Amino acid sequence: TYTGEGVKVAVLDTGIDLDHPDLQANIAGGVNIINPKRPPDDDNGHGTHVAGIIAAVDNEIGVIGVGPQIPLYAVKVLNRRGRGFLSDVIAGIEWCIENGMHVINMSFGTSSDVGSFHDAVRAAYDAGIVQVAAAGNEYGGSVLYPAAYDEVIAVSATDQSDSIADFSSVGPEVELSAPGVDIPSTWKGGGYETASGTSMAAPHVTGAAALVISSGTTGVDNVRSKLQTTADDLGDPGKDELYGYGLVDAEEAATGAETSPAPRLPTISPVRKLALTWGSLKR
C-alpha cells in the first residue's frame, strides 16, 4: 500500500554503493563529511547493507527493502574501517537538518554521553526528524549512544525465533526490536552479503517509520506512537528492556490493518555470511 515514496531517509554510515543495481534508482543525494571533495561512496560495505534493508528497489534481482521507493541520502561519516569521529557525525546530523531529511538511520554508537552530540540529536528532533539507532552489540550490556538518548528510537535485535539476539544490547532505553540475525542485503561492489547485528535491526525500523510518514502521519512523536502501539508484543507483557514495545510491524503501523506474521522465506543464495561488527566512534 505504501512504498515510502517522497520520504527522505538519510543513512549516516560508511556511505552507500552509489552504483549498486538494487539501490541506484533510489539514491537521491548525500554528502561525504570525511572528504567533501569526494562522493559518499561506500568503501566498507556496512552502509550499503543498511541502505538495502531500508530501500532496495522492487526489481528482478537481489532483495527488496522495507520501502522500495524511499529516496536514500548517503551521509558518509565513517571511514573504510567503520570508524569515525563524533564531530563528523554531528556535522552529518546538521547536514540532515539543513537538507530537510524526514528520517535518519544511525547504525553506530559510543559509550560516551557527549553534550555536543546530544545537542545535535535534540536539534534534529526539534526539526521534526525521526531518528533511529542501533542499540549496540554489547551482549546484554547497556544501550549505547545515540540510541540511549530520549529523542532517538533505540532498536534491539531479534533472531529467527523472535527471541532477543544473544549479542544485542538491552535496557530501559530500548523502544522497538527488529530482525538482526542473518539478514541478507546489498553490499559494496554491487554484491550481496548476509550479516548480523543491531546495525541490521535499526534499518527495519527506519524503513517502517518512512512508511508511516508516507501514509500521512506527521510529527516525530506521532510516528513513534504508531510504531509503538502496532508492535507485536514480545517477552514480558508491555514494554520491557529486551524488546521495548515489541517487534516492529511495518504493515500495521502504516495501514492500521492487523495482519498475521509473513511466512519465513529461505535465505537468498548465493551470499557470503558475515558476522559484522558495527561502526564505533571516537570523541
C-alpha atoms as a PDB file:
ATOM      1  CA  THR A   1       0.000   0.000   0.000  1.00  0.00           C
ATOM      2  CA  TYR A   2       2.815   2.386   0.851  1.00  0.00           C
ATOM      3  CA  THR A   3       6.358   2.304  -0.535  1.00  0.00           C
ATOM      4  CA  GLY A   4       7.952   5.327   1.169  1.00  0.00           C
ATOM      5  CA  GLU A   5       7.923   7.447  -1.969  1.00  0.00           C
ATOM      6  CA  GLY A   6       8.877  11.037  -1.193  1.00  0.00           C
ATOM      7  CA  VAL A   7      10.094  10.353   2.360  1.00  0.00           C
ATOM      8  CA  LYS A   8      13.740  11.443   2.567  1.00  0.00           C
ATOM      9  CA  VAL A   9      15.852   8.982   4.557  1.00  0.00           C
ATOM     10  CA  ALA A  10      19.479   9.674   5.440  1.00  0.00           C
ATOM     11  CA  VAL A  11      21.878   6.812   6.155  1.00  0.00           C
ATOM     12  CA  LEU A  12      24.669   8.109   8.411  1.00  0.00           C
ATOM     13  CA  ASP A  13      27.265   5.412   7.906  1.00  0.00           C
ATOM     14  CA  THR A  14      30.207   4.382   5.708  1.00  0.00           C
ATOM     15  CA  GLY A  15      28.431   5.668   2.612  1.00  0.00           C
ATOM     16  CA  ILE A  16      26.372   3.745   0.046  1.00  0.00           C
ATOM     17  CA  ASP A  17      27.435   1.941  -3.126  1.00  0.00           C
ATOM     18  CA  LEU A  18      26.120   4.629  -5.468  1.00  0.00           C
ATOM     19  CA  ASP A  19      26.143   2.314  -8.499  1.00  0.00           C
ATOM     20  CA  HIS A  20      24.534  -0.728  -6.900  1.00  0.00           C
ATOM     21  CA  PRO A  21      21.833  -2.063  -9.273  1.00  0.00           C
ATOM     22  CA  ASP A  22      19.470  -2.692  -6.354  1.00  0.00           C
ATOM     23  CA  LEU A  23      19.900   0.825  -4.905  1.00  0.00           C
ATOM     24  CA  GLN A  24      20.899   3.231  -7.654  1.00  0.00           C
ATOM     25  CA  ALA A  25      17.350   4.227  -8.603  1.00  0.00           C
ATOM     26  CA  ASN A  26      16.591   5.306  -5.024  1.00  0.00           C
ATOM     27  CA  ILE A  27      19.780   7.238  -4.255  1.00  0.00           C
ATOM     28  CA  ALA A  28      18.707  10.870  -4.263  1.00  0.00           C
ATOM     29  CA  GLY A  29      21.808  12.609  -2.896  1.00  0.00           C
ATOM     30  CA  GLY A  30      24.182  12.809   0.005  1.00  0.00           C
ATOM     31  CA  VAL A  31      27.471  14.158   1.273  1.00  0.00           C
ATOM     32  CA  ASN A  32      30.908  12.896   2.246  1.00  0.00           C
ATOM     33  CA  ILE A  33      31.593  14.577   5.583  1.00  0.00           C
ATOM     34  CA  ILE A  34      35.027  12.941   5.871  1.00  0.00           C
ATOM     35  CA  ASN A  35      36.196  14.205   2.468  1.00  0.00           C
ATOM     36  CA  PRO A  36      33.755  16.719   0.956  1.00  0.00           C
ATOM     37  CA  LYS A  37      35.617  16.664  -2.373  1.00  0.00           C
ATOM     38  CA  ARG A  38      34.670  13.022  -2.943  1.00  0.00           C
ATOM     39  CA  PRO A  39      31.250  11.374  -3.372  1.00  0.00           C
ATOM     40  CA  PRO A  40      29.740   9.465  -0.415  1.00  0.00           C
ATOM     41  CA  ASP A  41      30.606   6.072  -1.925  1.00  0.00           C
ATOM     42  CA  ASP A  42      30.904   3.109   0.414  1.00  0.00           C
ATOM     43  CA  ASP A  43      34.421   1.714   0.886  1.00  0.00           C
ATOM     44  CA  ASN A  44      33.408  -0.608   3.730  1.00  0.00           C
ATOM     45  CA  GLY A  45      30.094  -2.295   2.896  1.00  0.00           C
ATOM     46  CA  HIS A  46      28.221  -1.616   6.125  1.00  0.00           C
ATOM     47  CA  GLY A  47      26.341   1.448   4.906  1.00  0.00           C
ATOM     48  CA  THR A  48      25.287  -0.311   1.707  1.00  0.00           C
ATOM     49  CA  HIS A  49      23.941  -3.241   3.731  1.00  0.00           C
ATOM     50  CA  VAL A  50      21.915  -0.866   5.912  1.00  0.00           C
ATOM     51  CA  ALA A  51      20.634   1.007   2.838  1.00  0.00           C
ATOM     52  CA  GLY A  52      19.425  -2.190   1.176  1.00  0.00           C
ATOM     53  CA  ILE A  53      17.354  -3.169   4.202  1.00  0.00           C
ATOM     54  CA  ILE A  54      15.690   0.235   4.089  1.00  0.00           C
ATOM     55  CA  ALA A  55      15.124   0.730   0.383  1.00  0.00           C
ATOM     56  CA  ALA A  56      16.425  -1.885  -2.058  1.00  0.00           C
ATOM     57  CA  VAL A  57      14.229  -1.492  -5.138  1.00  0.00           C
ATOM     58  CA  ASP A  58      11.495  -3.926  -6.171  1.00  0.00           C
ATOM     59  CA  ASN A  59      13.039  -5.480  -9.278  1.00  0.00           C
ATOM     60  CA  GLU A  60      14.030  -8.915 -10.545  1.00  0.00           C
ATOM     61  CA  ILE A  61      17.274  -9.203  -8.564  1.00  0.00           C
ATOM     62  CA  GLY A  62      18.620  -9.367  -5.025  1.00  0.00           C
ATOM     63  CA  VAL A  63      16.469  -8.173  -2.144  1.00  0.00           C
ATOM     64  CA  ILE A  64      13.574  -5.779  -1.571  1.00  0.00           C
ATOM     65  CA  GLY A  65      13.773  -3.069   1.085  1.00  0.00           C
ATOM     66  CA  VAL A  66      11.121  -2.196   3.634  1.00  0.00           C
ATOM     67  CA  GLY A  67      10.211   0.827   1.483  1.00  0.00           C
ATOM     68  CA  PRO A  68      11.302   0.106  -2.099  1.00  0.00           C
ATOM     69  CA  GLN A  69      10.709   3.690  -3.275  1.00  0.00           C
ATOM     70  CA  ILE A  70      12.289   5.548  -0.355  1.00  0.00           C
ATOM     71  CA  PRO A  71      14.698   8.279  -1.538  1.00  0.00           C
ATOM     72  CA  LEU A  72      18.051   7.498   0.086  1.00  0.00           C
ATOM     73  CA  TYR A  73      20.684  10.048   1.075  1.00  0.00           C
ATOM     74  CA  ALA A  74      24.189   8.751   1.735  1.00  0.00           C
ATOM     75  CA  VAL A  75      25.837  10.703   4.557  1.00  0.00           C
ATOM     76  CA  LYS A  76      29.353   9.313   4.908  1.00  0.00           C
ATOM     77  CA  VAL A  77      30.595   9.861   8.458  1.00  0.00           C
ATOM     78  CA  LEU A  78      32.534   6.599   8.975  1.00  0.00           C
ATOM     79  CA  ASN A  79      35.723   5.512   7.203  1.00  0.00           C
ATOM     80  CA  ARG A  80      36.563   2.275   5.394  1.00  0.00           C
ATOM     81  CA  ARG A  81      37.158   0.570   8.770  1.00  0.00           C
ATOM     82  CA  GLY A  82      33.715   1.566  10.047  1.00  0.00           C
ATOM     83  CA  ARG A  83      35.131   4.109  12.476  1.00  0.00           C
ATOM     84  CA  GLY A  84      34.764   7.845  12.791  1.00  0.00           C
ATOM     85  CA  PHE A  85      34.695  10.940  14.943  1.00  0.00           C
ATOM     86  CA  LEU A  86      31.731  12.419  16.783  1.00  0.00           C
ATOM     87  CA  SER A  87      32.478  15.773  15.171  1.00  0.00           C
ATOM     88  CA  ASP A  88      31.815  14.224  11.748  1.00  0.00           C
ATOM     89  CA  VAL A  89      28.588  12.608  12.938  1.00  0.00           C
ATOM     90  CA  ILE A  90      27.442  15.941  14.365  1.00  0.00           C
ATOM     91  CA  ALA A  91      28.221  17.592  11.016  1.00  0.00           C
ATOM     92  CA  GLY A  92      26.244  14.836   9.303  1.00  0.00           C
ATOM     93  CA  ILE A  93      23.218  15.445  11.522  1.00  0.00           C
ATOM     94  CA  GLU A  94      23.467  19.173  10.826  1.00  0.00           C
ATOM     95  CA  TRP A  95      23.513  18.415   7.086  1.00  0.00           C
ATOM     96  CA  CYS A  96      20.334  16.371   7.528  1.00  0.00           C
ATOM     97  CA  ILE A  97      18.604  19.267   9.265  1.00  0.00           C
ATOM     98  CA  GLU A  98      19.695  21.752   6.586  1.00  0.00           C
ATOM     99  CA  ASN A  99      18.559  19.453   3.770  1.00  0.00           C
ATOM    100  CA  GLY A 100      15.148  18.532   5.123  1.00  0.00           C
ATOM    101  CA  MET A 101      15.535  14.853   5.912  1.00  0.00           C
ATOM    102  CA  HIS A 102      12.497  13.071   7.357  1.00  0.00           C
ATOM    103  CA  VAL A 103      14.261  10.065   8.930  1.00  0.00           C
ATOM    104  CA  ILE A 104      17.869   9.381   9.954  1.00  0.00           C
ATOM    105  CA  ASN A 105      19.347   5.904  10.448  1.00  0.00           C
ATOM    106  CA  MET A 106      22.379   5.613  12.745  1.00  0.00           C
ATOM    107  CA  SER A 107      23.772   2.085  12.991  1.00  0.00           C
ATOM    108  CA  PHE A 108      26.739   3.001  15.183  1.00  0.00           C
ATOM    109  CA  GLY A 109      27.367   4.065  18.739  1.00  0.00           C
ATOM    110  CA  THR A 110      29.576   5.186  21.570  1.00  0.00           C
ATOM    111  CA  SER A 111      29.549   4.596  25.316  1.00  0.00           C
ATOM    112  CA  SER A 112      30.223   8.308  25.916  1.00  0.00           C
ATOM    113  CA  ASP A 113      27.389  10.760  26.538  1.00  0.00           C
ATOM    114  CA  VAL A 114      28.829  13.885  24.925  1.00  0.00           C
ATOM    115  CA  GLY A 115      26.950  17.152  25.277  1.00  0.00           C
ATOM    116  CA  SER A 116      27.550  18.433  21.752  1.00  0.00           C
ATOM    117  CA  PHE A 117      26.374  15.117  20.326  1.00  0.00           C
ATOM    118  CA  HIS A 118      23.174  15.243  22.346  1.00  0.00           C
ATOM    119  CA  ASP A 119      22.657  18.859  21.289  1.00  0.00           C
ATOM    120  CA  ALA A 120      22.789  17.811  17.633  1.00  0.00           C
ATOM    121  CA  VAL A 121      20.307  14.988  18.260  1.00  0.00           C
ATOM    122  CA  ARG A 122      17.972  17.408  20.062  1.00  0.00           C
ATOM    123  CA  ALA A 123      18.230  19.859  17.152  1.00  0.00           C
ATOM    124  CA  ALA A 124      17.231  17.115  14.694  1.00  0.00           C
ATOM    125  CA  TYR A 125      14.291  16.161  16.905  1.00  0.00           C
ATOM    126  CA  ASP A 126      13.193  19.799  17.101  1.00  0.00           C
ATOM    127  CA  ALA A 127      13.423  19.950  13.295  1.00  0.00           C
ATOM    128  CA  GLY A 128      10.907  17.111  13.054  1.00  0.00           C
ATOM    129  CA  ILE A 129      13.317  14.357  12.024  1.00  0.00           C
ATOM    130  CA  VAL A 130      12.648  10.798  13.207  1.00  0.00           C
ATOM    131  CA  GLN A 131      15.952   9.343  14.428  1.00  0.00           C
ATOM    132  CA  VAL A 132      16.551   5.593  14.646  1.00  0.00           C
ATOM    133  CA  ALA A 133      19.687   3.968  16.073  1.00  0.00           C
ATOM    134  CA  ALA A 134      21.084   0.521  16.794  1.00  0.00           C
ATOM    135  CA  ALA A 135      21.056  -0.324  20.498  1.00  0.00           C
ATOM    136  CA  GLY A 136      24.525  -1.882  20.293  1.00  0.00           C
ATOM    137  CA  ASN A 137      26.159  -5.289  20.182  1.00  0.00           C
ATOM    138  CA  GLU A 138      27.218  -5.429  23.821  1.00  0.00           C
ATOM    139  CA  TYR A 139      25.981  -8.981  24.607  1.00  0.00           C
ATOM    140  CA  GLY A 140      23.312  -7.898  27.077  1.00  0.00           C
ATOM    141  CA  GLY A 141      25.183  -4.755  28.080  1.00  0.00           C
ATOM    142  CA  SER A 142      23.855  -1.222  28.165  1.00  0.00           C
ATOM    143  CA  VAL A 143      22.351   0.613  25.219  1.00  0.00           C
ATOM    144  CA  LEU A 144      24.903   2.941  23.628  1.00  0.00           C
ATOM    145  CA  TYR A 145      24.554   6.497  22.329  1.00  0.00           C
ATOM    146  CA  PRO A 146      22.840   7.894  20.284  1.00  0.00           C
ATOM    147  CA  ALA A 147      20.272   5.112  20.789  1.00  0.00           C
ATOM    148  CA  ALA A 148      20.203   5.848  24.539  1.00  0.00           C
ATOM    149  CA  TYR A 149      19.016   9.425  24.001  1.00  0.00           C
ATOM    150  CA  ASP A 150      15.294  10.002  24.594  1.00  0.00           C
ATOM    151  CA  GLU A 151      14.947  11.692  21.205  1.00  0.00           C
ATOM    152  CA  VAL A 152      16.077   8.534  19.370  1.00  0.00           C
ATOM    153  CA  ILE A 153      14.311   5.216  18.721  1.00  0.00           C
ATOM    154  CA  ALA A 154      16.615   2.536  20.170  1.00  0.00           C
ATOM    155  CA  VAL A 155      16.346  -0.816  18.391  1.00  0.00           C
ATOM    156  CA  SER A 156      17.402  -4.216  19.743  1.00  0.00           C
ATOM    157  CA  ALA A 157      17.881  -7.279  17.531  1.00  0.00           C
ATOM    158  CA  THR A 158      15.841 -10.478  17.332  1.00  0.00           C
ATOM    159  CA  ASP A 159      16.633 -13.841  15.759  1.00  0.00           C
ATOM    160  CA  GLN A 160      14.580 -16.186  13.553  1.00  0.00           C
ATOM    161  CA  SER A 161      12.508 -17.363  16.521  1.00  0.00           C
ATOM    162  CA  ASP A 162      11.679 -13.763  17.534  1.00  0.00           C
ATOM    163  CA  SER A 163      13.908 -14.122  20.614  1.00  0.00           C
ATOM    164  CA  ILE A 164      16.424 -11.487  21.611  1.00  0.00           C
ATOM    165  CA  ALA A 165      19.728 -11.956  19.765  1.00  0.00           C
ATOM    166  CA  ASP A 166      22.492 -13.073  22.117  1.00  0.00           C
ATOM    167  CA  PHE A 167      24.701 -10.123  21.064  1.00  0.00           C
ATOM    168  CA  SER A 168      22.102  -7.380  21.453  1.00  0.00           C
ATOM    169  CA  SER A 169      22.386  -4.576  23.966  1.00  0.00           C
ATOM    170  CA  VAL A 170      19.317  -4.229  26.170  1.00  0.00           C
ATOM    171  CA  GLY A 171      17.949  -1.769  28.688  1.00  0.00           C
ATOM    172  CA  PRO A 172      15.097   0.608  29.517  1.00  0.00           C
ATOM    173  CA  GLU A 173      16.002   2.769  26.510  1.00  0.00           C
ATOM    174  CA  VAL A 174      15.038   0.032  24.016  1.00  0.00           C
ATOM    175  CA  GLU A 175      11.906   1.191  22.204  1.00  0.00           C
ATOM    176  CA  LEU A 176      11.461  -1.456  19.498  1.00  0.00           C
ATOM    177  CA  SER A 177      13.007  -4.692  18.310  1.00  0.00           C
ATOM    178  CA  ALA A 178      13.556  -5.907  14.745  1.00  0.00           C
ATOM    179  CA  PRO A 179      15.250  -8.777  12.883  1.00  0.00           C
ATOM    180  CA  GLY A 180      19.030  -8.631  13.215  1.00  0.00           C
ATOM    181  CA  VAL A 181      20.358 -12.158  12.690  1.00  0.00           C
ATOM    182  CA  ASP A 182      21.436 -13.498   9.281  1.00  0.00           C
ATOM    183  CA  ILE A 183      19.959 -10.613   7.311  1.00  0.00           C
ATOM    184  CA  PRO A 184      20.691 -10.669   3.558  1.00  0.00           C
ATOM    185  CA  SER A 185      21.146  -7.277   1.905  1.00  0.00           C
ATOM    186  CA  THR A 186      23.137  -5.272  -0.596  1.00  0.00           C
ATOM    187  CA  TRP A 187      26.915  -4.850  -0.330  1.00  0.00           C
ATOM    188  CA  LYS A 188      29.607  -2.673  -1.862  1.00  0.00           C
ATOM    189  CA  GLY A 189      30.761  -3.559  -5.355  1.00  0.00           C
ATOM    190  CA  GLY A 190      27.257  -4.446  -6.478  1.00  0.00           C
ATOM    191  CA  GLY A 191      27.100  -7.599  -4.374  1.00  0.00           C
ATOM    192  CA  TYR A 192      25.066  -9.092  -1.537  1.00  0.00           C
ATOM    193  CA  GLU A 193      26.001 -10.334   1.927  1.00  0.00           C
ATOM    194  CA  THR A 194      24.273 -11.831   4.950  1.00  0.00           C
ATOM    195  CA  ALA A 195      25.119 -10.035   8.194  1.00  0.00           C
ATOM    196  CA  SER A 196      24.067  -9.899  11.844  1.00  0.00           C
ATOM    197  CA  GLY A 197      23.927  -7.053  14.349  1.00  0.00           C
ATOM    198  CA  THR A 198      21.680  -4.383  15.778  1.00  0.00           C
ATOM    199  CA  SER A 199      23.016  -2.442  12.780  1.00  0.00           C
ATOM    200  CA  MET A 200      20.694  -4.649  10.709  1.00  0.00           C
ATOM    201  CA  ALA A 201      17.755  -4.288  13.093  1.00  0.00           C
ATOM    202  CA  ALA A 202      17.681  -0.484  13.118  1.00  0.00           C
ATOM    203  CA  PRO A 203      17.077  -0.018   9.354  1.00  0.00           C
ATOM    204  CA  HIS A 204      13.992  -2.268   9.535  1.00  0.00           C
ATOM    205  CA  VAL A 205      12.517   0.326  11.919  1.00  0.00           C
ATOM    206  CA  THR A 206      13.821   3.216   9.801  1.00  0.00           C
ATOM    207  CA  GLY A 207      12.019   1.824   6.775  1.00  0.00           C
ATOM    208  CA  ALA A 208       8.851   1.286   8.799  1.00  0.00           C
ATOM    209  CA  ALA A 209       8.996   4.890  10.042  1.00  0.00           C
ATOM    210  CA  ALA A 210       9.223   6.075   6.440  1.00  0.00           C
ATOM    211  CA  LEU A 211       6.144   4.020   5.548  1.00  0.00           C
ATOM    212  CA  VAL A 212       4.227   5.560   8.452  1.00  0.00           C
ATOM    213  CA  ILE A 213       5.164   9.044   7.245  1.00  0.00           C
ATOM    214  CA  SER A 214       4.174   8.195   3.664  1.00  0.00           C
ATOM    215  CA  SER A 215       0.765   7.088   4.985  1.00  0.00           C
ATOM    216  CA  GLY A 216       0.147  10.655   6.145  1.00  0.00           C
ATOM    217  CA  THR A 217       1.279  10.627   9.780  1.00  0.00           C
ATOM    218  CA  THR A 218       3.281  13.718  10.715  1.00  0.00           C
ATOM    219  CA  GLY A 219       5.308  14.668  13.769  1.00  0.00           C
ATOM    220  CA  VAL A 220       8.082  12.686  15.417  1.00  0.00           C
ATOM    221  CA  ASP A 221       6.036  11.719  18.468  1.00  0.00           C
ATOM    222  CA  ASN A 222       3.057  10.638  16.332  1.00  0.00           C
ATOM    223  CA  VAL A 223       5.261   8.415  14.166  1.00  0.00           C
ATOM    224  CA  ARG A 224       6.843   6.863  17.251  1.00  0.00           C
ATOM    225  CA  SER A 225       3.426   6.297  18.808  1.00  0.00           C
ATOM    226  CA  LYS A 226       2.215   4.475  15.668  1.00  0.00           C
ATOM    227  CA  LEU A 227       5.275   2.217  15.713  1.00  0.00           C
ATOM    228  CA  GLN A 228       4.896   1.527  19.432  1.00  0.00           C
ATOM    229  CA  THR A 229       1.178   0.745  19.513  1.00  0.00           C
ATOM    230  CA  THR A 230       1.289  -1.563  16.477  1.00  0.00           C
ATOM    231  CA  ALA A 231       4.429  -3.504  17.503  1.00  0.00           C
ATOM    232  CA  ASP A 232       3.964  -7.212  18.237  1.00  0.00           C
ATOM    233  CA  ASP A 233       4.490  -7.596  21.978  1.00  0.00           C
ATOM    234  CA  LEU A 234       7.306  -9.988  22.874  1.00  0.00           C
ATOM    235  CA  GLY A 235       8.737 -11.048  26.229  1.00  0.00           C
ATOM    236  CA  ASP A 236       7.085  -9.627  29.330  1.00  0.00           C
ATOM    237  CA  PRO A 237       3.683  -8.011  28.715  1.00  0.00           C
ATOM    238  CA  GLY A 238       4.000  -4.368  27.748  1.00  0.00           C
ATOM    239  CA  LYS A 239       7.280  -2.506  27.348  1.00  0.00           C
ATOM    240  CA  ASP A 240      10.356  -4.358  28.598  1.00  0.00           C
ATOM    241  CA  GLU A 241      14.127  -3.972  28.477  1.00  0.00           C
ATOM    242  CA  LEU A 242      14.709  -6.635  25.809  1.00  0.00           C
ATOM    243  CA  TYR A 243      12.156  -5.824  23.107  1.00  0.00           C
ATOM    244  CA  GLY A 244      10.834  -2.411  24.113  1.00  0.00           C
ATOM    245  CA  TYR A 245       7.222  -2.210  22.918  1.00  0.00           C
ATOM    246  CA  GLY A 246       7.850  -5.267  20.742  1.00  0.00           C
ATOM    247  CA  LEU A 247       8.720  -6.399  17.242  1.00  0.00           C
ATOM    248  CA  VAL A 248       8.143  -3.678  14.666  1.00  0.00           C
ATOM    249  CA  ASP A 249       5.141  -4.342  12.393  1.00  0.00           C
ATOM    250  CA  ALA A 250       5.602  -2.186   9.296  1.00  0.00           C
ATOM    251  CA  GLU A 251       2.323  -3.122   7.643  1.00  0.00           C
ATOM    252  CA  GLU A 252       0.102  -2.489  10.631  1.00  0.00           C
ATOM    253  CA  ALA A 253       1.958   0.709  11.531  1.00  0.00           C
ATOM    254  CA  ALA A 254       1.422   2.124   8.042  1.00  0.00           C
ATOM    255  CA  THR A 255      -2.052   0.795   7.200  1.00  0.00           C
ATOM    256  CA  GLY A 256      -3.713   0.187  10.554  1.00  0.00           C
ATOM    257  CA  ALA A 257      -4.575  -3.352   9.476  1.00  0.00           C
ATOM    258  CA  GLU A 258      -3.568  -6.097  11.901  1.00  0.00           C
ATOM    259  CA  THR A 259      -2.077  -8.994   9.984  1.00  0.00           C
ATOM    260  CA  SER A 260      -0.578 -12.378  10.698  1.00  0.00           C
ATOM    261  CA  PRO A 261       3.215 -12.714  10.524  1.00  0.00           C
ATOM    262  CA  ALA A 262       4.529 -13.200   7.000  1.00  0.00           C
ATOM    263  CA  PRO A 263       5.791 -16.690   6.131  1.00  0.00           C
ATOM    264  CA  ARG A 264       9.510 -17.231   6.570  1.00  0.00           C
ATOM    265  CA  LEU A 265      11.391 -17.268   3.282  1.00  0.00           C
ATOM    266  CA  PRO A 266      14.517 -19.294   2.529  1.00  0.00           C
ATOM    267  CA  THR A 267      17.809 -17.429   2.768  1.00  0.00           C
ATOM    268  CA  ILE A 268      18.797 -15.807  -0.503  1.00  0.00           C
ATOM    269  CA  SER A 269      21.600 -17.722  -2.174  1.00  0.00           C
ATOM    270  CA  PRO A 270      24.386 -17.441  -3.008  1.00  0.00           C
ATOM    271  CA  VAL A 271      25.669 -14.944  -0.457  1.00  0.00           C
ATOM    272  CA  ARG A 272      28.599 -14.960   1.914  1.00  0.00           C
ATOM    273  CA  LYS A 273      27.758 -14.776   5.601  1.00  0.00           C
ATOM    274  CA  LEU A 274      29.390 -12.121   7.749  1.00  0.00           C
ATOM    275  CA  ALA A 275      29.493 -11.697  11.493  1.00  0.00           C
ATOM    276  CA  LEU A 276      29.505  -7.936  11.052  1.00  0.00           C
ATOM    277  CA  THR A 277      30.585  -5.529  13.748  1.00  0.00           C
ATOM    278  CA  TRP A 278      29.100  -2.082  13.619  1.00  0.00           C
ATOM    279  CA  GLY A 279      30.815   1.296  13.480  1.00  0.00           C
ATOM    280  CA  SER A 280      32.447   2.792  16.543  1.00  0.00           C
ATOM    281  CA  LEU A 281      33.037   6.425  17.330  1.00  0.00           C
ATOM    282  CA  LYS A 282      35.832   8.411  18.903  1.00  0.00           C
ATOM    283  CA  ARG A 283      35.448  11.615  20.842  1.00  0.00           C
END
